[in-house]
């Protein structure tokens, strides 16, 4: 059976997927960087926009320690 990806995630699952706090997720939604929809009282996160946001972030610039051991 092929693996499927959910189109929408609960807030809890979206936070767990990218190790975000709820408040950080809602800030990103408020900034328009991640899309959310309502299904009754539930807020659902549009998975594609969540993943696209994190894929668009720049790579970390981390310098090797001065005395790296091989």
N, C-alpha and C. Protein backbone atom coordinates (compact mmCIF):
# COMPACT_ATOMS: atom_id res chain seq x y z
N UNK A 1 0.84 -1.18 0.00
CA UNK A 1 0.00 0.00 0.00
C UNK A 1 0.89 1.24 0.00
N UNK A 2 0.64 2.22 -0.90
CA UNK A 2 1.48 3.42 -0.94
C UNK A 2 1.27 4.28 0.30
N UNK A 3 2.34 4.96 0.70
CA UNK A 3 2.26 5.86 1.84
C UNK A 3 1.48 7.10 1.45
N UNK A 4 0.59 7.55 2.33
CA UNK A 4 -0.17 8.75 2.05
C UNK A 4 0.21 9.83 3.05
N UNK A 5 0.09 11.06 2.62
CA UNK A 5 0.36 12.19 3.48
C UNK A 5 -0.96 12.91 3.72
N UNK A 6 -1.22 13.23 4.98
CA UNK A 6 -2.45 13.94 5.32
C UNK A 6 -2.44 15.33 4.69
N UNK A 7 -3.58 15.74 4.19
CA UNK A 7 -3.71 17.07 3.60
C UNK A 7 -3.77 18.11 4.71
N UNK A 8 -4.39 17.74 5.83
CA UNK A 8 -4.52 18.63 6.98
C UNK A 8 -4.02 17.91 8.22
N UNK A 9 -3.48 18.69 9.16
CA UNK A 9 -3.04 18.16 10.44
C UNK A 9 -3.71 18.94 11.56
N UNK A 10 -3.92 18.27 12.68
CA UNK A 10 -4.39 18.98 13.86
C UNK A 10 -3.27 19.91 14.31
N UNK A 11 -3.62 20.89 15.13
CA UNK A 11 -2.61 21.80 15.67
C UNK A 11 -1.56 21.00 16.43
N UNK A 12 -2.00 20.04 17.23
CA UNK A 12 -1.07 19.22 18.01
C UNK A 12 -0.10 18.47 17.11
N UNK A 13 -0.62 17.84 16.05
CA UNK A 13 0.24 17.08 15.14
C UNK A 13 1.19 17.99 14.35
N UNK A 14 0.70 19.18 13.96
CA UNK A 14 1.56 20.12 13.24
C UNK A 14 2.71 20.57 14.13
N UNK A 15 2.42 20.83 15.39
CA UNK A 15 3.47 21.25 16.33
C UNK A 15 4.49 20.13 16.51
N UNK A 16 4.02 18.91 16.64
CA UNK A 16 4.92 17.77 16.83
C UNK A 16 5.75 17.52 15.58
N UNK A 17 5.18 17.70 14.41
CA UNK A 17 5.87 17.44 13.15
C UNK A 17 7.14 18.28 13.01
N UNK A 18 7.07 19.54 13.48
CA UNK A 18 8.21 20.45 13.31
C UNK A 18 8.71 21.00 14.64
N UNK A 19 8.38 20.32 15.73
CA UNK A 19 8.85 20.71 17.07
C UNK A 19 8.60 22.18 17.36
N UNK A 20 7.35 22.61 17.16
CA UNK A 20 6.93 23.99 17.40
C UNK A 20 6.05 24.06 18.63
N UNK A 21 6.06 25.20 19.30
CA UNK A 21 5.06 25.44 20.34
C UNK A 21 3.77 25.88 19.64
N UNK A 22 2.66 25.76 20.36
CA UNK A 22 1.38 26.21 19.80
C UNK A 22 1.44 27.69 19.46
N UNK A 23 2.03 28.49 20.37
CA UNK A 23 2.07 29.93 20.12
C UNK A 23 2.92 30.25 18.90
N UNK A 24 4.03 29.56 18.69
CA UNK A 24 4.87 29.79 17.51
C UNK A 24 4.10 29.43 16.24
N UNK A 25 3.33 28.34 16.29
CA UNK A 25 2.52 27.95 15.13
C UNK A 25 1.48 29.02 14.82
N UNK A 26 0.79 29.52 15.84
CA UNK A 26 -0.22 30.54 15.61
C UNK A 26 0.38 31.86 15.13
N UNK A 27 1.60 32.17 15.53
CA UNK A 27 2.29 33.35 15.01
C UNK A 27 2.53 33.18 13.51
N UNK A 28 3.00 32.01 13.10
CA UNK A 28 3.23 31.75 11.67
C UNK A 28 1.93 31.82 10.88
N UNK A 29 0.85 31.33 11.47
CA UNK A 29 -0.46 31.43 10.80
C UNK A 29 -0.85 32.90 10.67
N UNK A 30 -0.69 33.66 11.75
CA UNK A 30 -1.04 35.08 11.73
C UNK A 30 -0.22 35.88 10.72
N UNK A 31 1.02 35.47 10.51
CA UNK A 31 1.90 36.13 9.54
C UNK A 31 1.60 35.70 8.10
N UNK A 32 0.71 34.74 7.94
CA UNK A 32 0.35 34.25 6.61
C UNK A 32 1.35 33.27 6.02
N UNK A 33 2.27 32.77 6.83
CA UNK A 33 3.29 31.85 6.33
C UNK A 33 2.79 30.41 6.28
N UNK A 34 1.78 30.11 7.08
CA UNK A 34 1.17 28.77 7.13
C UNK A 34 -0.33 28.97 7.07
N UNK A 35 -1.00 28.12 6.29
CA UNK A 35 -2.45 28.22 6.14
C UNK A 35 -3.16 27.29 7.12
N UNK A 36 -4.28 27.79 7.63
CA UNK A 36 -5.12 27.00 8.52
C UNK A 36 -6.56 27.15 8.08
N UNK A 37 -7.35 26.11 8.32
CA UNK A 37 -8.77 26.13 8.01
C UNK A 37 -9.53 25.70 9.26
N UNK A 38 -10.81 26.03 9.29
CA UNK A 38 -11.65 25.63 10.41
C UNK A 38 -12.61 24.54 9.95
N UNK A 39 -12.76 23.52 10.78
CA UNK A 39 -13.74 22.47 10.58
C UNK A 39 -14.56 22.43 11.86
N UNK A 40 -15.64 23.18 11.89
CA UNK A 40 -16.38 23.34 13.13
C UNK A 40 -15.52 24.15 14.09
N UNK A 41 -15.27 23.62 15.26
CA UNK A 41 -14.43 24.30 16.25
C UNK A 41 -12.95 23.98 16.09
N UNK A 42 -12.63 22.96 15.32
CA UNK A 42 -11.23 22.54 15.15
C UNK A 42 -10.50 23.40 14.14
N UNK A 43 -9.28 23.74 14.47
CA UNK A 43 -8.37 24.39 13.53
C UNK A 43 -7.49 23.31 12.94
N UNK A 44 -7.43 23.27 11.63
CA UNK A 44 -6.60 22.30 10.92
C UNK A 44 -5.55 23.04 10.11
N UNK A 45 -4.36 22.51 10.12
CA UNK A 45 -3.24 23.13 9.42
C UNK A 45 -3.09 22.47 8.05
N UNK A 46 -2.93 23.28 7.01
CA UNK A 46 -2.72 22.77 5.66
C UNK A 46 -1.28 22.28 5.58
N UNK A 47 -1.11 20.97 5.53
CA UNK A 47 0.20 20.34 5.63
C UNK A 47 1.20 20.88 4.61
N UNK A 48 0.76 21.06 3.38
CA UNK A 48 1.65 21.53 2.32
C UNK A 48 2.28 22.87 2.70
N UNK A 49 1.49 23.79 3.26
CA UNK A 49 2.03 25.10 3.60
C UNK A 49 3.00 25.02 4.77
N UNK A 50 2.73 24.11 5.70
CA UNK A 50 3.63 23.90 6.83
C UNK A 50 4.99 23.40 6.34
N UNK A 51 4.96 22.36 5.52
CA UNK A 51 6.19 21.78 4.99
C UNK A 51 6.93 22.75 4.06
N UNK A 52 6.17 23.49 3.24
CA UNK A 52 6.79 24.46 2.33
C UNK A 52 7.51 25.56 3.11
N UNK A 53 6.91 26.02 4.20
CA UNK A 53 7.54 27.06 5.00
C UNK A 53 8.90 26.59 5.52
N UNK A 54 8.93 25.40 6.10
CA UNK A 54 10.20 24.92 6.66
C UNK A 54 11.20 24.57 5.58
N UNK A 55 10.74 24.15 4.42
CA UNK A 55 11.65 23.86 3.31
C UNK A 55 12.27 25.14 2.75
N UNK A 56 11.60 26.28 2.95
CA UNK A 56 12.09 27.55 2.40
C UNK A 56 13.08 28.26 3.33
N UNK A 57 13.26 27.76 4.54
CA UNK A 57 14.18 28.41 5.48
C UNK A 57 15.62 28.24 5.02
N UNK A 58 16.46 29.24 5.28
CA UNK A 58 17.86 29.14 4.86
C UNK A 58 18.62 28.11 5.69
N UNK A 59 19.67 27.54 5.12
CA UNK A 59 20.47 26.58 5.88
C UNK A 59 21.18 27.27 7.05
N UNK A 60 21.41 26.54 8.11
CA UNK A 60 22.13 27.07 9.26
C UNK A 60 23.60 27.24 8.89
N UNK A 61 24.19 28.32 9.34
CA UNK A 61 25.61 28.59 9.11
C UNK A 61 26.34 28.27 10.41
N UNK A 62 26.92 27.10 10.49
CA UNK A 62 27.58 26.63 11.71
C UNK A 62 29.05 26.39 11.40
N UNK A 63 29.90 27.05 12.17
CA UNK A 63 31.34 26.90 11.98
C UNK A 63 31.84 25.70 12.78
N UNK A 64 32.80 25.00 12.21
CA UNK A 64 33.43 23.88 12.92
C UNK A 64 34.23 24.43 14.09
N UNK A 65 34.34 23.67 15.16
CA UNK A 65 35.17 24.11 16.28
C UNK A 65 36.61 24.32 15.82
N UNK A 66 37.31 25.23 16.48
CA UNK A 66 38.68 25.56 16.10
C UNK A 66 39.61 24.36 16.16
N UNK A 67 39.41 23.49 17.14
CA UNK A 67 40.28 22.33 17.32
C UNK A 67 39.48 21.05 17.12
N UNK A 68 38.93 20.89 15.94
CA UNK A 68 38.15 19.68 15.65
C UNK A 68 39.08 18.47 15.59
N UNK A 69 38.64 17.40 16.20
CA UNK A 69 39.42 16.15 16.19
C UNK A 69 38.90 15.26 15.07
N UNK A 70 39.81 14.67 14.35
CA UNK A 70 39.43 13.82 13.24
C UNK A 70 39.17 12.42 13.66
